[in-house]
Amino acid sequence: MKKSFNQMIAVVMIAVSSVAFTGCYGSFSLTSKLHNWNGQVSNAKFVNELVFLGLCILPAYELCCLGDVLIFNSIEFWGGQNPVAMKAGDVEEGQVMYAGHPYHVTKSLNKMVVASEETDAVAEFQYFPEEESWYLMDGQNKAKLMKNTKKMMKAVVAIN
């Protein structure tokens, strides 16, 4: 009993400190996307309410909110843009260093291009929502890198 109480206190302290240390509560984009999706499930309020209750029991809303609080809102505060909030037409560019080598990164909706600033090497990564998978692209050829196997994430992270 005491152990679970201490764990609960630790989780609450982490959540409070993440908000307090960033000085911003953020846009809660992931939670908003889930809420918007939930509102479009059906034209019937009753069905939307049942889906809402189901997602609360699963705990989809709770996980989205925790992800926003601990990860995405902090990234938004410190980096200037929430990675979940990217819309069609948005482009974000930046430079990164990896193993002492500079790279130029260009991000847009469902796509990321990493180019070496020292050589002509370019890697293009693309997400295909219908397949729920990330691919390394080479022209029209593609190699699957990662597949999202959690069915709930399709509803939670609706990448349009």
Protein backbone atom coordinates (compact mmCIF):
# COMPACT_ATOMS: atom_id res chain seq x y z
CA MET A 1 0.00 0.00 0.00
CA LYS A 2 2.76 2.41 0.97
CA LYS A 3 4.75 1.55 -2.18
CA SER A 4 1.84 2.35 -4.52
CA PHE A 5 1.17 5.59 -2.61
CA ASN A 6 4.84 6.62 -3.05
CA GLN A 7 4.65 5.78 -6.75
CA MET A 8 1.50 7.89 -7.09
CA ILE A 9 3.21 10.81 -5.34
CA ALA A 10 6.21 10.45 -7.69
CA VAL A 11 3.98 10.54 -10.79
CA VAL A 12 2.12 13.60 -9.51
CA MET A 13 5.41 15.37 -8.72
CA ILE A 14 6.78 14.62 -12.20
CA ALA A 15 3.60 15.96 -13.83
CA VAL A 16 3.58 19.10 -11.69
CA SER A 17 7.29 19.78 -12.16
CA SER A 18 7.10 19.32 -15.93
CA VAL A 19 4.49 22.07 -16.12
CA ALA A 20 6.20 24.26 -13.52
CA PHE A 21 9.68 24.01 -15.05
CA THR A 22 8.58 24.80 -18.59
CA GLY A 23 6.44 27.77 -17.53
CA CYS A 24 3.85 26.88 -20.16
CA TYR A 25 1.01 24.45 -20.19
CA GLY A 26 1.11 24.07 -23.99
CA SER A 27 -1.49 23.41 -26.66
CA PHE A 28 -2.28 19.77 -25.78
CA SER A 29 -2.36 18.91 -29.50
CA LEU A 30 -2.45 15.14 -29.08
CA THR A 31 -5.38 15.27 -26.66
CA SER A 32 -7.15 17.76 -28.95
CA LYS A 33 -6.70 15.47 -31.96
CA LEU A 34 -8.22 12.57 -30.05
CA HIS A 35 -11.11 14.77 -28.89
CA ASN A 36 -11.75 16.02 -32.44
CA TRP A 37 -11.66 12.48 -33.81
CA ASN A 38 -14.08 11.38 -31.09
CA GLY A 39 -16.51 14.15 -32.11
CA GLN A 40 -16.52 12.95 -35.73
CA VAL A 41 -17.09 9.24 -35.10
CA SER A 42 -20.82 9.58 -35.66
CA ASN A 43 -23.53 12.18 -36.13
CA ALA A 44 -25.30 10.75 -33.09
CA LYS A 45 -24.32 12.28 -29.74
CA PHE A 46 -25.10 8.99 -28.01
CA VAL A 47 -22.55 7.07 -30.11
CA ASN A 48 -19.90 9.76 -29.58
CA GLU A 49 -20.52 9.59 -25.81
CA LEU A 50 -20.15 5.80 -25.80
CA VAL A 51 -16.89 6.06 -27.74
CA PHE A 52 -15.72 8.77 -25.33
CA LEU A 53 -16.48 6.56 -22.31
CA GLY A 54 -14.75 3.62 -23.98
CA LEU A 55 -11.64 5.70 -24.68
CA CYS A 56 -11.63 6.89 -21.06
CA ILE A 57 -11.85 3.30 -19.81
CA LEU A 58 -9.09 2.12 -22.20
CA PRO A 59 -7.28 4.96 -21.01
CA ALA A 60 -6.67 6.69 -24.35
CA TYR A 61 -7.50 10.19 -23.09
CA GLU A 62 -5.32 9.72 -20.02
CA LEU A 63 -2.32 8.52 -22.06
CA CYS A 64 -2.71 11.37 -24.57
CA CYS A 65 -2.88 13.92 -21.78
CA LEU A 66 0.16 12.42 -20.04
CA GLY A 67 2.08 12.41 -23.35
CA ASP A 68 1.17 16.05 -23.91
CA VAL A 69 2.15 17.08 -20.38
CA LEU A 70 5.44 15.18 -20.15
CA ILE A 71 6.68 15.21 -23.75
CA PHE A 72 4.95 17.23 -26.46
CA ASN A 73 4.17 20.43 -24.55
CA SER A 74 7.74 20.51 -23.21
CA ILE A 75 9.08 20.11 -26.76
CA GLU A 76 6.72 22.88 -27.86
CA PHE A 77 7.96 25.22 -25.13
CA TRP A 78 11.68 24.57 -25.55
CA GLY A 79 11.72 24.00 -29.32
CA GLY A 80 8.96 26.34 -30.45
CA GLN A 81 6.73 23.82 -32.22
CA ASN A 82 4.70 20.84 -31.09
CA PRO A 83 5.55 17.83 -33.30
CA VAL A 84 1.97 16.56 -33.09
CA ALA A 85 0.52 19.90 -34.23
CA MET A 86 2.10 19.93 -37.73
CA LYS A 87 -0.44 20.55 -40.48
CA ALA A 88 -0.36 20.10 -44.25
CA GLY A 89 1.89 22.76 -45.78
CA ASP A 90 3.90 23.33 -42.56
CA VAL A 91 7.66 22.98 -43.01
CA GLU A 92 10.25 23.08 -40.28
CA GLU A 93 13.99 23.16 -40.98
CA GLY A 94 16.98 22.90 -38.72
CA GLN A 95 20.54 21.75 -38.30
CA VAL A 96 21.69 18.90 -36.08
CA MET A 97 25.08 17.49 -35.18
CA TYR A 98 25.60 13.74 -34.94
CA ALA A 99 28.98 12.17 -34.24
CA GLY A 100 30.65 15.47 -35.08
CA HIS A 101 28.99 15.76 -38.50
CA PRO A 102 26.41 18.46 -39.41
CA TYR A 103 23.07 17.50 -40.99
CA HIS A 104 20.22 19.59 -42.38
CA VAL A 105 16.76 18.30 -41.38
CA THR A 106 13.55 19.30 -43.19
CA LYS A 107 10.27 18.15 -41.65
CA SER A 108 6.78 18.36 -43.12
CA LEU A 109 3.57 16.43 -42.59
CA ASN A 110 4.34 12.70 -42.87
CA LYS A 111 7.83 13.35 -44.26
CA MET A 112 11.36 14.06 -43.02
CA VAL A 113 14.50 14.61 -45.11
CA VAL A 114 17.98 14.42 -43.56
CA ALA A 115 20.86 15.70 -45.70
CA SER A 116 24.55 15.66 -44.87
CA GLU A 117 26.13 19.10 -45.08
CA GLU A 118 29.53 17.54 -45.83
CA THR A 119 28.57 15.07 -48.57
CA ASP A 120 25.72 14.63 -51.03
CA ALA A 121 24.08 11.93 -48.87
CA VAL A 122 20.32 12.39 -48.38
CA ALA A 123 17.85 10.19 -46.54
CA GLU A 124 14.12 10.67 -47.04
CA PHE A 125 11.66 9.15 -44.58
CA GLN A 126 7.93 9.06 -45.29
CA TYR A 127 4.92 7.98 -43.25
CA PHE A 128 2.01 6.26 -45.02
CA PRO A 129 -1.08 6.59 -42.78
CA GLU A 130 -3.03 3.90 -44.64
CA GLU A 131 -0.27 1.39 -43.83
CA GLU A 132 0.58 2.94 -40.44
CA SER A 133 4.24 2.58 -41.40
CA TRP A 134 7.40 4.67 -41.83
CA TYR A 135 9.54 3.99 -44.91
CA LEU A 136 13.01 4.95 -46.10
CA MET A 137 12.42 6.23 -49.63
CA ASP A 138 14.68 5.86 -52.67
CA GLY A 139 12.75 7.45 -55.51
CA GLN A 140 9.64 5.28 -55.87
CA ASN A 141 11.31 2.37 -54.03
CA LYS A 142 10.70 2.13 -50.32
CA ALA A 143 11.99 0.06 -47.43
CA LYS A 144 9.78 -0.33 -44.37
CA LEU A 145 11.44 0.91 -41.21
CA MET A 146 8.71 0.79 -38.62
CA LYS A 147 5.06 -0.27 -38.36
CA ASN A 148 2.69 1.03 -35.75
CA THR A 149 1.20 -2.15 -34.31
CA LYS A 150 -1.00 -0.55 -31.66
CA LYS A 151 -4.51 -0.33 -33.09
CA MET A 152 -5.51 2.30 -30.57
CA MET A 153 -2.81 4.67 -31.88
CA LYS A 154 -4.65 4.92 -35.20
CA ALA A 155 -7.44 6.69 -33.36
CA VAL A 156 -5.15 8.62 -31.03
CA VAL A 157 -2.64 9.97 -33.55
CA ALA A 158 -4.68 10.72 -36.64
CA ILE A 159 -2.04 11.96 -39.05
CA ASN A 160 -3.93 13.72 -41.81
